[in-house]
């Protein structure tokens, strides 16, 4: 399953429809963002139906990037019931991302 394509326009609707979401804030020119891409795709497949996994291109969607004060990428926002509950900045292993997701899944 592909990660959802998140934009300034659909962000609020997607967040309201999904109790738990992980949004990968990235840009095509960012090396670490490219490196974490396959991990984000794996998570989208493995957590399908439980967690919305999405990708937000910060160059194309500056409003959300500004709203969440994203100054370095990759930044992964964990949003539960419409509120940011965690943030992971930088390239990190899949098990680290999963451990944070699982805290909020219960």
PDB file of N, CA and C in Angstrom:
ATOM      1  N   UNK A   1       0.841  -1.188   0.000  1.00  0.00           N
ATOM      2  CA  UNK A   1       0.000   0.000   0.000  1.00  0.00           C
ATOM      3  C   UNK A   1       0.886   1.252   0.000  1.00  0.00           C
ATOM      4  N   UNK A   2       0.529   2.214  -0.829  1.00  0.00           N
ATOM      5  CA  UNK A   2       1.305   3.456  -0.930  1.00  0.00           C
ATOM      6  C   UNK A   2       0.951   4.397   0.214  1.00  0.00           C
ATOM      7  N   UNK A   3       1.922   5.189   0.674  1.00  0.00           N
ATOM      8  CA  UNK A   3       1.575   6.239   1.636  1.00  0.00           C
ATOM      9  C   UNK A   3       0.613   7.238   0.985  1.00  0.00           C
ATOM     10  N   UNK A   4      -0.273   7.817   1.785  1.00  0.00           N
ATOM     11  CA  UNK A   4      -1.224   8.809   1.278  1.00  0.00           C
ATOM     12  C   UNK A   4      -0.468  10.071   0.861  1.00  0.00           C
ATOM     13  N   UNK A   5      -0.951  10.715  -0.182  1.00  0.00           N
ATOM     14  CA  UNK A   5      -0.363  11.971  -0.663  1.00  0.00           C
ATOM     15  C   UNK A   5      -1.042  13.110   0.098  1.00  0.00           C
ATOM     16  N   UNK A   6      -0.300  13.751   0.995  1.00  0.00           N
ATOM     17  CA  UNK A   6      -0.854  14.798   1.857  1.00  0.00           C
ATOM     18  C   UNK A   6      -0.489  16.162   1.277  1.00  0.00           C
ATOM     19  N   UNK A   7      -1.456  17.072   1.278  1.00  0.00           N
ATOM     20  CA  UNK A   7      -1.235  18.422   0.748  1.00  0.00           C
ATOM     21  C   UNK A   7      -1.797  19.449   1.729  1.00  0.00           C
ATOM     22  N   UNK A   8      -1.485  20.725   1.477  1.00  0.00           N
ATOM     23  CA  UNK A   8      -2.085  21.802   2.274  1.00  0.00           C
ATOM     24  C   UNK A   8      -3.609  21.709   2.224  1.00  0.00           C
ATOM     25  N   UNK A   9      -4.143  21.292   1.077  1.00  0.00           N
ATOM     26  CA  UNK A   9      -5.589  21.280   0.864  1.00  0.00           C
ATOM     27  C   UNK A   9      -6.276  20.122   1.597  1.00  0.00           C
ATOM     28  N   UNK A  10      -5.694  18.912   1.558  1.00  0.00           N
ATOM     29  CA  UNK A  10      -6.396  17.756   2.141  1.00  0.00           C
ATOM     30  C   UNK A  10      -5.940  17.405   3.562  1.00  0.00           C
ATOM     31  N   UNK A  11      -4.949  18.114   4.096  1.00  0.00           N
ATOM     32  CA  UNK A  11      -4.359  17.775   5.397  1.00  0.00           C
ATOM     33  C   UNK A  11      -5.421  17.663   6.503  1.00  0.00           C
ATOM     34  N   UNK A  12      -6.200  18.725   6.713  1.00  0.00           N
ATOM     35  CA  UNK A  12      -7.154  18.727   7.836  1.00  0.00           C
ATOM     36  C   UNK A  12      -8.195  17.622   7.703  1.00  0.00           C
ATOM     37  N   UNK A  13      -8.687  17.408   6.489  1.00  0.00           N
ATOM     38  CA  UNK A  13      -9.687  16.366   6.257  1.00  0.00           C
ATOM     39  C   UNK A  13      -9.115  14.989   6.588  1.00  0.00           C
ATOM     40  N   UNK A  14      -7.896  14.735   6.148  1.00  0.00           N
ATOM     41  CA  UNK A  14      -7.264  13.432   6.394  1.00  0.00           C
ATOM     42  C   UNK A  14      -7.004  13.225   7.881  1.00  0.00           C
ATOM     43  N   UNK A  15      -6.547  14.262   8.555  1.00  0.00           N
ATOM     44  CA  UNK A  15      -6.261  14.160   9.989  1.00  0.00           C
ATOM     45  C   UNK A  15      -7.546  13.903  10.778  1.00  0.00           C
ATOM     46  N   UNK A  16      -8.641  14.541  10.373  1.00  0.00           N
ATOM     47  CA  UNK A  16      -9.915  14.351  11.075  1.00  0.00           C
ATOM     48  C   UNK A  16     -10.496  12.959  10.845  1.00  0.00           C
ATOM     49  N   UNK A  17     -10.226  12.376   9.680  1.00  0.00           N
ATOM     50  CA  UNK A  17     -10.775  11.056   9.343  1.00  0.00           C
ATOM     51  C   UNK A  17     -10.000   9.916   9.988  1.00  0.00           C
ATOM     52  N   UNK A  18      -8.770  10.158  10.425  1.00  0.00           N
ATOM     53  CA  UNK A  18      -7.906   9.091  10.936  1.00  0.00           C
ATOM     54  C   UNK A  18      -7.478   9.402  12.360  1.00  0.00           C
ATOM     55  N   UNK A  19      -7.787   8.474  13.277  1.00  0.00           N
ATOM     56  CA  UNK A  19      -7.460   8.696  14.686  1.00  0.00           C
ATOM     57  C   UNK A  19      -5.953   8.830  14.905  1.00  0.00           C
ATOM     58  N   UNK A  20      -5.172   8.085  14.113  1.00  0.00           N
ATOM     59  CA  UNK A  20      -3.718   8.129  14.270  1.00  0.00           C
ATOM     60  C   UNK A  20      -3.069   8.216  12.889  1.00  0.00           C
ATOM     61  N   UNK A  21      -2.156   9.165  12.744  1.00  0.00           N
ATOM     62  CA  UNK A  21      -1.484   9.359  11.458  1.00  0.00           C
ATOM     63  C   UNK A  21      -0.005   9.641  11.677  1.00  0.00           C
ATOM     64  N   UNK A  22       0.808   9.143  10.752  1.00  0.00           N
ATOM     65  CA  UNK A  22       2.220   9.500  10.691  1.00  0.00           C
ATOM     66  C   UNK A  22       2.411  10.204   9.358  1.00  0.00           C
ATOM     67  N   UNK A  23       2.834  11.458   9.425  1.00  0.00           N
ATOM     68  CA  UNK A  23       3.039  12.247   8.216  1.00  0.00           C
ATOM     69  C   UNK A  23       4.533  12.490   8.056  1.00  0.00           C
ATOM     70  N   UNK A  24       5.076  11.974   6.959  1.00  0.00           N
ATOM     71  CA  UNK A  24       6.491  12.163   6.623  1.00  0.00           C
ATOM     72  C   UNK A  24       6.618  13.464   5.830  1.00  0.00           C
ATOM     73  N   UNK A  25       7.255  14.464   6.437  1.00  0.00           N
ATOM     74  CA  UNK A  25       7.479  15.745   5.773  1.00  0.00           C
ATOM     75  C   UNK A  25       8.848  15.676   5.098  1.00  0.00           C
ATOM     76  N   UNK A  26       8.852  15.847   3.774  1.00  0.00           N
ATOM     77  CA  UNK A  26      10.047  15.550   2.980  1.00  0.00           C
ATOM     78  C   UNK A  26      10.135  16.495   1.790  1.00  0.00           C
ATOM     79  N   UNK A  27      11.217  16.366   1.028  1.00  0.00           N
ATOM     80  CA  UNK A  27      11.389  17.071  -0.246  1.00  0.00           C
ATOM     81  C   UNK A  27      12.216  16.178  -1.170  1.00  0.00           C
ATOM     82  N   UNK A  28      11.984  16.289  -2.484  1.00  0.00           N
ATOM     83  CA  UNK A  28      12.678  15.404  -3.430  1.00  0.00           C
ATOM     84  C   UNK A  28      14.194  15.576  -3.451  1.00  0.00           C
ATOM     85  N   UNK A  29      14.703  16.750  -3.107  1.00  0.00           N
ATOM     86  CA  UNK A  29      16.144  17.007  -3.158  1.00  0.00           C
ATOM     87  C   UNK A  29      16.870  16.567  -1.885  1.00  0.00           C
ATOM     88  N   UNK A  30      16.148  16.085  -0.902  1.00  0.00           N
ATOM     89  CA  UNK A  30      16.716  15.759   0.418  1.00  0.00           C
ATOM     90  C   UNK A  30      17.173  14.300   0.451  1.00  0.00           C
ATOM     91  N   UNK A  31      18.493  14.091   0.555  1.00  0.00           N
ATOM     92  CA  UNK A  31      19.059  12.737   0.582  1.00  0.00           C
ATOM     93  C   UNK A  31      18.502  11.853   1.685  1.00  0.00           C
ATOM     94  N   UNK A  32      18.530  12.309   2.952  1.00  0.00           N
ATOM     95  CA  UNK A  32      17.964  11.487   4.035  1.00  0.00           C
ATOM     96  C   UNK A  32      16.474  11.177   3.822  1.00  0.00           C
ATOM     97  N   UNK A  33      15.750  12.118   3.211  1.00  0.00           N
ATOM     98  CA  UNK A  33      14.329  11.887   2.913  1.00  0.00           C
ATOM     99  C   UNK A  33      14.178  10.721   1.937  1.00  0.00           C
ATOM    100  N   UNK A  34      15.048  10.695   0.923  1.00  0.00           N
ATOM    101  CA  UNK A  34      15.019   9.599  -0.056  1.00  0.00           C
ATOM    102  C   UNK A  34      15.372   8.280   0.631  1.00  0.00           C
ATOM    103  N   UNK A  35      16.321   8.345   1.544  1.00  0.00           N
ATOM    104  CA  UNK A  35      16.776   7.131   2.231  1.00  0.00           C
ATOM    105  C   UNK A  35      15.677   6.529   3.108  1.00  0.00           C
ATOM    106  N   UNK A  36      14.842   7.371   3.711  1.00  0.00           N
ATOM    107  CA  UNK A  36      13.803   6.853   4.610  1.00  0.00           C
ATOM    108  C   UNK A  36      12.526   6.479   3.854  1.00  0.00           C
ATOM    109  N   UNK A  37      12.449   6.855   2.568  1.00  0.00           N
ATOM    110  CA  UNK A  37      11.258   6.565   1.760  1.00  0.00           C
ATOM    111  C   UNK A  37      10.800   5.119   1.796  1.00  0.00           C
ATOM    112  N   UNK A  38      11.699   4.138   1.555  1.00  0.00           N
ATOM    113  CA  UNK A  38      11.271   2.733   1.587  1.00  0.00           C
ATOM    114  C   UNK A  38      10.708   2.316   2.950  1.00  0.00           C
ATOM    115  N   UNK A  39      11.249   2.868   4.028  1.00  0.00           N
ATOM    116  CA  UNK A  39      10.736   2.563   5.371  1.00  0.00           C
ATOM    117  C   UNK A  39       9.308   3.070   5.512  1.00  0.00           C
ATOM    118  N   UNK A  40       9.058   4.291   5.024  1.00  0.00           N
ATOM    119  CA  UNK A  40       7.712   4.868   5.091  1.00  0.00           C
ATOM    120  C   UNK A  40       6.737   3.993   4.287  1.00  0.00           C
ATOM    121  N   UNK A  41       7.184   3.501   3.131  1.00  0.00           N
ATOM    122  CA  UNK A  41       6.332   2.637   2.307  1.00  0.00           C
ATOM    123  C   UNK A  41       6.036   1.311   3.017  1.00  0.00           C
ATOM    124  N   UNK A  42       7.039   0.748   3.699  1.00  0.00           N
ATOM    125  CA  UNK A  42       6.826  -0.495   4.465  1.00  0.00           C
ATOM    126  C   UNK A  42       5.803  -0.261   5.575  1.00  0.00           C
ATOM    127  N   UNK A  43       5.949   0.859   6.283  1.00  0.00           N
ATOM    128  CA  UNK A  43       5.020   1.164   7.375  1.00  0.00           C
ATOM    129  C   UNK A  43       3.600   1.330   6.836  1.00  0.00           C
ATOM    130  N   UNK A  44       3.458   1.956   5.667  1.00  0.00           N
ATOM    131  CA  UNK A  44       2.134   2.158   5.068  1.00  0.00           C
ATOM    132  C   UNK A  44       1.452   0.817   4.819  1.00  0.00           C
ATOM    133  N   UNK A  45       2.228  -0.161   4.367  1.00  0.00           N
ATOM    134  CA  UNK A  45       1.678  -1.497   4.117  1.00  0.00           C
ATOM    135  C   UNK A  45       1.376  -2.213   5.425  1.00  0.00           C
ATOM    136  N   UNK A  46       2.333  -2.195   6.352  1.00  0.00           N
ATOM    137  CA  UNK A  46       2.203  -2.967   7.585  1.00  0.00           C
ATOM    138  C   UNK A  46       1.139  -2.413   8.530  1.00  0.00           C
ATOM    139  N   UNK A  47       0.904  -1.112   8.488  1.00  0.00           N
ATOM    140  CA  UNK A  47      -0.057  -0.495   9.414  1.00  0.00           C
ATOM    141  C   UNK A  47      -1.359  -0.102   8.715  1.00  0.00           C
ATOM    142  N   UNK A  48      -1.568  -0.571   7.489  1.00  0.00           N
ATOM    143  CA  UNK A  48      -2.795  -0.260   6.733  1.00  0.00           C
ATOM    144  C   UNK A  48      -4.019  -0.614   7.577  1.00  0.00           C
ATOM    145  N   UNK A  49      -4.970   0.301   7.635  1.00  0.00           N
ATOM    146  CA  UNK A  49      -6.184   0.067   8.408  1.00  0.00           C
ATOM    147  C   UNK A  49      -6.062   0.440   9.872  1.00  0.00           C
ATOM    148  N   UNK A  50      -4.835   0.672  10.357  1.00  0.00           N
ATOM    149  CA  UNK A  50      -4.649   1.043  11.761  1.00  0.00           C
ATOM    150  C   UNK A  50      -4.080   2.441  11.918  1.00  0.00           C
ATOM    151  N   UNK A  51      -3.121   2.788  11.051  1.00  0.00           N
ATOM    152  CA  UNK A  51      -2.470   4.107  11.099  1.00  0.00           C
ATOM    153  C   UNK A  51      -2.414   4.642   9.675  1.00  0.00           C
ATOM    154  N   UNK A  52      -2.824   5.884   9.491  1.00  0.00           N
ATOM    155  CA  UNK A  52      -2.649   6.498   8.176  1.00  0.00           C
ATOM    156  C   UNK A  52      -1.188   6.909   8.057  1.00  0.00           C
ATOM    157  N   UNK A  53      -0.520   6.429   7.035  1.00  0.00           N
ATOM    158  CA  UNK A  53       0.858   6.833   6.762  1.00  0.00           C
ATOM    159  C   UNK A  53       0.805   7.724   5.525  1.00  0.00           C
ATOM    160  N   UNK A  54       1.318   8.938   5.650  1.00  0.00           N
ATOM    161  CA  UNK A  54       1.259   9.871   4.539  1.00  0.00           C
ATOM    162  C   UNK A  54       2.574  10.594   4.332  1.00  0.00           C
ATOM    163  N   UNK A  55       2.713  11.172   3.132  1.00  0.00           N
ATOM    164  CA  UNK A  55       3.906  11.950   2.800  1.00  0.00           C
ATOM    165  C   UNK A  55       3.470  13.349   2.375  1.00  0.00           C
ATOM    166  N   UNK A  56       4.137  14.352   2.916  1.00  0.00           N
ATOM    167  CA  UNK A  56       3.858  15.744   2.600  1.00  0.00           C
ATOM    168  C   UNK A  56       5.129  16.389   2.063  1.00  0.00           C
ATOM    169  N   UNK A  57       5.090  16.797   0.798  1.00  0.00           N
ATOM    170  CA  UNK A  57       6.228  17.486   0.184  1.00  0.00           C
ATOM    171  C   UNK A  57       6.221  18.926   0.693  1.00  0.00           C
ATOM    172  N   UNK A  58       7.235  19.302   1.483  1.00  0.00           N
ATOM    173  CA  UNK A  58       7.244  20.626   2.110  1.00  0.00           C
ATOM    174  C   UNK A  58       7.447  21.759   1.110  1.00  0.00           C
ATOM    175  N   UNK A  59       8.089  21.462  -0.027  1.00  0.00           N
ATOM    176  CA  UNK A  59       8.268  22.491  -1.050  1.00  0.00           C
ATOM    177  C   UNK A  59       6.931  22.849  -1.708  1.00  0.00           C
ATOM    178  N   UNK A  60       6.095  21.843  -1.910  1.00  0.00           N
ATOM    179  CA  UNK A  60       4.808  22.057  -2.579  1.00  0.00           C
ATOM    180  C   UNK A  60       3.703  22.463  -1.609  1.00  0.00           C
ATOM    181  N   UNK A  61       3.913  22.269  -0.314  1.00  0.00           N
ATOM    182  CA  UNK A  61       2.877  22.509   0.695  1.00  0.00           C
ATOM    183  C   UNK A  61       3.433  23.322   1.864  1.00  0.00           C
ATOM    184  N   UNK A  62       3.757  24.593   1.613  1.00  0.00           N
ATOM    185  CA  UNK A  62       4.420  25.393   2.649  1.00  0.00           C
ATOM    186  C   UNK A  62       3.528  25.745   3.844  1.00  0.00           C
ATOM    187  N   UNK A  63       2.207  25.754   3.658  1.00  0.00           N
ATOM    188  CA  UNK A  63       1.333  26.140   4.772  1.00  0.00           C
ATOM    189  C   UNK A  63       1.437  25.167   5.940  1.00  0.00           C
ATOM    190  N   UNK A  64       1.348  23.877   5.646  1.00  0.00           N
ATOM    191  CA  UNK A  64       1.422  22.869   6.714  1.00  0.00           C
ATOM    192  C   UNK A  64       2.823  22.852   7.314  1.00  0.00           C
ATOM    193  N   UNK A  65       3.847  22.952   6.468  1.00  0.00           N
ATOM    194  CA  UNK A  65       5.226  22.983   6.973  1.00  0.00           C
ATOM    195  C   UNK A  65       5.411  24.148   7.941  1.00  0.00           C
ATOM    196  N   UNK A  66       4.826  25.287   7.616  1.00  0.00           N
ATOM    197  CA  UNK A  66       4.938  26.462   8.488  1.00  0.00           C
ATOM    198  C   UNK A  66       4.101  26.283   9.750  1.00  0.00           C
ATOM    199  N   UNK A  67       2.889  25.769   9.590  1.00  0.00           N
ATOM    200  CA  UNK A  67       1.989  25.568  10.734  1.00  0.00           C
ATOM    201  C   UNK A  67       2.642  24.691  11.803  1.00  0.00           C
ATOM    202  N   UNK A  68       3.366  23.659  11.359  1.00  0.00           N
ATOM    203  CA  UNK A  68       4.007  22.738  12.298  1.00  0.00           C
ATOM    204  C   UNK A  68       5.476  23.086  12.553  1.00  0.00           C
ATOM    205  N   UNK A  69       5.912  24.232  12.035  1.00  0.00           N
ATOM    206  CA  UNK A  69       7.285  24.716  12.240  1.00  0.00           C
ATOM    207  C   UNK A  69       8.320  23.645  11.913  1.00  0.00           C
ATOM    208  N   UNK A  70       8.233  23.150  10.692  1.00  0.00           N
ATOM    209  CA  UNK A  70       9.177  22.128  10.236  1.00  0.00           C
ATOM    210  C   UNK A  70      10.371  22.843   9.610  1.00  0.00           C
ATOM    211  N   UNK A  71      11.505  22.768  10.322  1.00  0.00           N
ATOM    212  CA  UNK A  71      12.709  23.483   9.894  1.00  0.00           C
ATOM    213  C   UNK A  71      13.766  22.568   9.319  1.00  0.00           C
ATOM    214  N   UNK A  72      13.656  21.272   9.602  1.00  0.00           N
ATOM    215  CA  UNK A  72      14.605  20.336   9.012  1.00  0.00           C
ATOM    216  C   UNK A  72      13.833  19.094   8.595  1.00  0.00           C
ATOM    217  N   UNK A  73      14.308  18.485   7.526  1.00  0.00           N
ATOM    218  CA  UNK A  73      13.625  17.299   7.016  1.00  0.00           C
ATOM    219  C   UNK A  73      14.631  16.162   6.862  1.00  0.00           C
ATOM    220  N   UNK A  74      14.219  14.919   6.935  1.00  0.00           N
ATOM    221  CA  UNK A  74      12.836  14.515   7.148  1.00  0.00           C
ATOM    222  C   UNK A  74      12.358  14.771   8.585  1.00  0.00           C
ATOM    223  N   UNK A  75      11.106  15.147   8.704  1.00  0.00           N
ATOM    224  CA  UNK A  75      10.426  15.236   9.997  1.00  0.00           C
ATOM    225  C   UNK A  75       9.153  14.416   9.877  1.00  0.00           C
ATOM    226  N   UNK A  76       8.949  13.510  10.822  1.00  0.00           N
ATOM    227  CA  UNK A  76       7.728  12.714  10.853  1.00  0.00           C
ATOM    228  C   UNK A  76       6.865  13.199  11.999  1.00  0.00           C
ATOM    229  N   UNK A  77       5.662  13.611  11.663  1.00  0.00           N
ATOM    230  CA  UNK A  77       4.695  14.053  12.671  1.00  0.00           C
ATOM    231  C   UNK A  77       3.778  12.882  13.002  1.00  0.00           C
ATOM    232  N   UNK A  78       3.588  12.623  14.300  1.00  0.00           N
ATOM    233  CA  UNK A  78       2.616  11.619  14.725  1.00  0.00           C
ATOM    234  C   UNK A  78       1.428  12.422  15.273  1.00  0.00           C
ATOM    235  N   UNK A  79       0.292  12.255  14.622  1.00  0.00           N
ATOM    236  CA  UNK A  79      -0.886  13.048  14.977  1.00  0.00           C
ATOM    237  C   UNK A  79      -1.988  12.097  15.426  1.00  0.00           C
ATOM    238  N   UNK A  80      -2.463  12.321  16.651  1.00  0.00           N
ATOM    239  CA  UNK A  80      -3.520  11.480  17.215  1.00  0.00           C
ATOM    240  C   UNK A  80      -4.706  12.364  17.550  1.00  0.00           C
ATOM    241  N   UNK A  81      -5.859  11.970  17.053  1.00  0.00           N
ATOM    242  CA  UNK A  81      -7.095  12.731  17.284  1.00  0.00           C
ATOM    243  C   UNK A  81      -6.914  14.217  16.986  1.00  0.00           C
ATOM    244  N   UNK A  82      -6.217  14.501  15.879  1.00  0.00           N
ATOM    245  CA  UNK A  82      -6.067  15.877  15.423  1.00  0.00           C
ATOM    246  C   UNK A  82      -4.962  16.686  16.072  1.00  0.00           C
ATOM    247  N   UNK A  83      -4.240  16.090  17.047  1.00  0.00           N
ATOM    248  CA  UNK A  83      -3.173  16.824  17.737  1.00  0.00           C
ATOM    249  C   UNK A  83      -1.839  16.123  17.546  1.00  0.00           C
ATOM    250  N   UNK A  84      -0.776  16.933  17.411  1.00  0.00           N
ATOM    251  CA  UNK A  84       0.563  16.345  17.319  1.00  0.00           C
ATOM    252  C   UNK A  84       0.935  15.781  18.687  1.00  0.00           C
ATOM    253  N   UNK A  85       1.268  14.491  18.716  1.00  0.00           N
ATOM    254  CA  UNK A  85       1.641  13.847  19.980  1.00  0.00           C
ATOM    255  C   UNK A  85       3.114  13.463  20.020  1.00  0.00           C
ATOM    256  N   UNK A  86       3.757  13.438  18.841  1.00  0.00           N
ATOM    257  CA  UNK A  86       5.183  13.110  18.789  1.00  0.00           C
ATOM    258  C   UNK A  86       5.739  13.619  17.472  1.00  0.00           C
ATOM    259  N   UNK A  87       7.059  13.759  17.449  1.00  0.00           N
ATOM    260  CA  UNK A  87       7.760  14.238  16.265  1.00  0.00           C
ATOM    261  C   UNK A  87       9.109  13.531  16.220  1.00  0.00           C
ATOM    262  N   UNK A  88       9.448  13.022  15.048  1.00  0.00           N
ATOM    263  CA  UNK A  88      10.745  12.373  14.856  1.00  0.00           C
ATOM    264  C   UNK A  88      11.464  13.171  13.778  1.00  0.00           C
ATOM    265  N   UNK A  89      12.635  13.682  14.107  1.00  0.00           N
ATOM    266  CA  UNK A  89      13.383  14.494  13.145  1.00  0.00           C
ATOM    267  C   UNK A  89      14.637  13.734  12.725  1.00  0.00           C
ATOM    268  N   UNK A  90      14.846  13.655  11.415  1.00  0.00           N
ATOM    269  CA  UNK A  90      16.061  13.031  10.895  1.00  0.00           C
ATOM    270  C   UNK A  90      15.858  11.579  10.511  1.00  0.00           C
ATOM    271  N   UNK A  91      16.893  11.040   9.924  1.00  0.00           N
ATOM    272  CA  UNK A  91      16.902   9.655   9.472  1.00  0.00           C
ATOM    273  C   UNK A  91      17.062   8.757  10.693  1.00  0.00           C
ATOM    274  N   UNK A  92      16.152   7.798  10.850  1.00  0.00           N
ATOM    275  CA  UNK A  92      16.249   6.890  11.997  1.00  0.00           C
ATOM    276  C   UNK A  92      15.750   5.512  11.572  1.00  0.00           C
ATOM    277  N   UNK A  93      16.100   4.484  12.346  1.00  0.00           N
ATOM    278  CA  UNK A  93      15.701   3.127  11.973  1.00  0.00           C
ATOM    279  C   UNK A  93      14.198   2.899  12.127  1.00  0.00           C
ATOM    280  N   UNK A  94      13.697   1.952  11.360  1.00  0.00           N
ATOM    281  CA  UNK A  94      12.272   1.632  11.369  1.00  0.00           C
ATOM    282  C   UNK A  94      11.775   1.259  12.768  1.00  0.00           C
ATOM    283  N   UNK A  95      12.564   0.493  13.516  1.00  0.00           N
ATOM    284  CA  UNK A  95      12.096   0.061  14.843  1.00  0.00           C
ATOM    285  C   UNK A  95      11.895   1.250  15.791  1.00  0.00           C
ATOM    286  N   UNK A  96      12.660   2.320  15.618  1.00  0.00           N
ATOM    287  CA  UNK A  96      12.478   3.526  16.433  1.00  0.00           C
ATOM    288  C   UNK A  96      11.129   4.177  16.109  1.00  0.00           C
ATOM    289  N   UNK A  97      10.820   4.292  14.830  1.00  0.00           N
ATOM    290  CA  UNK A  97       9.544   4.879  14.412  1.00  0.00           C
ATOM    291  C   UNK A  97       8.394   4.019  14.938  1.00  0.00           C
ATOM    292  N   UNK A  98       8.530   2.696  14.788  1.00  0.00           N
ATOM    293  CA  UNK A  98       7.475   1.786  15.238  1.00  0.00           C
ATOM    294  C   UNK A  98       7.256   1.850  16.739  1.00  0.00           C
ATOM    295  N   UNK A  99       8.323   1.987  17.505  1.00  0.00           N
ATOM    296  CA  UNK A  99       8.160   2.033  18.963  1.00  0.00           C
ATOM    297  C   UNK A  99       7.339   3.262  19.375  1.00  0.00           C
ATOM    298  N   UNK A 100       7.531   4.368  18.680  1.00  0.00           N
ATOM    299  CA  UNK A 100       6.759   5.579  18.981  1.00  0.00           C
ATOM    300  C   UNK A 100       5.310   5.414  18.511  1.00  0.00           C
ATOM    301  N   UNK A 101       5.130   4.832  17.328  1.00  0.00           N
ATOM    302  CA  UNK A 101       3.767   4.589  16.823  1.00  0.00           C
ATOM    303  C   UNK A 101       2.979   3.689  17.780  1.00  0.00           C
ATOM    304  N   UNK A 102       3.618   2.625  18.249  1.00  0.00           N
ATOM    305  CA  UNK A 102       2.930   1.645  19.104  1.00  0.00           C
ATOM    306  C   UNK A 102       2.502   2.268  20.424  1.00  0.00           C
ATOM    307  N   UNK A 103       3.236   3.259  20.921  1.00  0.00           N
ATOM    308  CA  UNK A 103       2.837   3.942  22.160  1.00  0.00           C
ATOM    309  C   UNK A 103       1.473   4.595  22.010  1.00  0.00           C
ATOM    310  N   UNK A 104       1.172   5.048  20.793  1.00  0.00           N
ATOM    311  CA  UNK A 104      -0.056   5.807  20.555  1.00  0.00           C
ATOM    312  C   UNK A 104      -1.169   4.965  19.943  1.00  0.00           C
ATOM    313  N   UNK A 105      -0.869   3.703  19.608  1.00  0.00           N
ATOM    314  CA  UNK A 105      -1.859   2.842  18.960  1.00  0.00           C
ATOM    315  C   UNK A 105      -2.908   2.326  19.928  1.00  0.00           C
ATOM    316  N   UNK A 106      -2.516   2.044  21.161  1.00  0.00           N
ATOM    317  CA  UNK A 106      -3.415   1.432  22.126  1.00  0.00           C
ATOM    318  C   UNK A 106      -4.679   2.197  22.242  1.00  0.00           C
TER     319      UNK A 106
END
